[in-house]
Protein backbone atom coordinates (compact mmCIF):
# COMPACT_ATOMS: atom_id res chain seq x y z
CA UNK A 1 84.43 40.72 65.95
CA UNK A 2 85.27 43.96 64.06
CA UNK A 3 86.20 47.30 65.68
CA UNK A 4 83.36 49.86 65.71
CA UNK A 5 85.00 52.09 63.27
CA UNK A 6 85.77 49.38 60.81
CA UNK A 7 83.52 48.10 58.05
CA UNK A 8 82.22 44.52 58.78
CA UNK A 9 83.61 41.80 56.47
CA UNK A 10 85.91 44.32 54.95
CA UNK A 11 89.45 43.13 54.32
CA UNK A 12 92.41 45.32 53.46
CA UNK A 13 91.95 44.66 49.64
CA UNK A 14 88.27 45.87 49.61
CA UNK A 15 87.88 48.84 47.28
CA UNK A 16 86.47 52.13 48.62
CA UNK A 17 82.90 52.83 47.58
CA UNK A 18 82.35 55.50 44.86
CA UNK A 19 80.63 58.70 45.83
CA UNK A 20 77.24 57.40 44.83
CA UNK A 21 77.68 54.01 46.58
CA UNK A 22 76.92 52.88 50.03
CA UNK A 23 79.70 51.67 52.26
CA UNK A 24 80.05 47.98 53.22
CA UNK A 25 78.96 48.88 56.73
CA UNK A 26 75.84 50.79 55.39
CA UNK A 27 74.84 47.85 53.23
CA UNK A 28 75.20 45.56 56.27
CA UNK A 29 72.99 47.80 58.38
CA UNK A 30 70.25 47.73 55.75
CA UNK A 31 70.71 43.82 55.28
CA UNK A 32 70.27 43.29 59.06
CA UNK A 33 67.24 45.62 59.11
CA UNK A 34 65.57 43.57 56.38
CA UNK A 35 65.74 40.33 58.26
CA UNK A 36 62.88 38.87 60.29
CA UNK A 37 63.75 38.23 63.99
CA UNK A 38 62.48 35.13 65.89
CA UNK A 39 62.28 36.67 69.29
CA UNK A 40 63.43 39.27 71.78
CA UNK A 41 67.18 39.73 71.92
CA UNK A 42 67.96 38.10 68.63
CA UNK A 43 68.38 41.20 66.73
CA UNK A 44 70.50 42.92 69.44
CA UNK A 45 72.70 39.81 69.59
CA UNK A 46 73.12 39.71 65.82
CA UNK A 47 74.06 43.52 65.85
CA UNK A 48 76.91 42.80 68.36
CA UNK A 49 78.03 39.59 66.75
CA UNK A 50 77.89 40.51 63.11
CA UNK A 51 78.60 44.18 63.11
CA UNK A 52 80.70 44.49 66.18
CA UNK A 53 78.80 47.48 67.46
CA UNK A 54 76.34 48.18 70.31
CA UNK A 55 72.64 48.35 69.49
CA UNK A 56 72.60 51.99 70.51
CA UNK A 57 75.36 52.79 67.90
CA UNK A 58 73.48 50.65 65.36
CA UNK A 59 70.28 52.67 65.72
CA UNK A 60 72.36 56.03 65.57
CA UNK A 61 73.90 54.83 62.29
CA UNK A 62 70.55 53.62 60.90
CA UNK A 63 68.74 56.76 61.66
CA UNK A 64 71.37 58.82 59.77
CA UNK A 65 71.36 56.24 57.01
CA UNK A 66 67.80 56.51 56.26
CA UNK A 67 68.19 60.14 55.54
CA UNK A 68 70.74 59.31 52.73
CA UNK A 69 69.38 59.21 49.31
CA UNK A 70 71.94 56.52 48.34
CA UNK A 71 70.25 54.26 50.91
CA UNK A 72 66.85 55.00 49.43
CA UNK A 73 68.15 53.99 45.92
CA UNK A 74 69.77 50.90 47.43
CA UNK A 75 66.88 49.56 49.34
CA UNK A 76 63.63 51.72 48.85
CA UNK A 77 61.37 49.26 50.67
CA UNK A 78 63.30 49.13 53.87
CA UNK A 79 64.22 52.85 53.95
CA UNK A 80 60.65 53.94 53.27
CA UNK A 81 59.33 51.52 55.98
CA UNK A 82 61.87 52.91 58.49
CA UNK A 83 61.03 56.46 57.69
CA UNK A 84 57.24 55.68 58.17
CA UNK A 85 57.92 54.14 61.49
CA UNK A 86 60.06 57.09 62.53
CA UNK A 87 57.47 59.64 61.39
CA UNK A 88 54.67 57.73 63.24
CA UNK A 89 56.73 57.83 66.49
CA UNK A 90 57.30 61.49 66.02
CA UNK A 91 53.61 62.05 65.59
CA UNK A 92 52.82 60.40 68.75
CA UNK A 93 55.10 62.65 70.80
């Protein structure tokens, strides 16, 4: 399990991302969000096991990430879907 402030699967020799690139952690967040989930609890379990963070922290990071234009360039389908879901929830409030 990785510490919350460390990048998942990031060893000491991993290069730092450039200014126009997403971090390893950000890419992992998007990859996890793209996956289908078989049932309740599976996604939360994967968040804890694969990313080493709590589901609450995951959603905080994800909500900030979908505002990042680099994320939109990296995975427009996932980011636009998440933005639509967020906007629909805001509209119901």
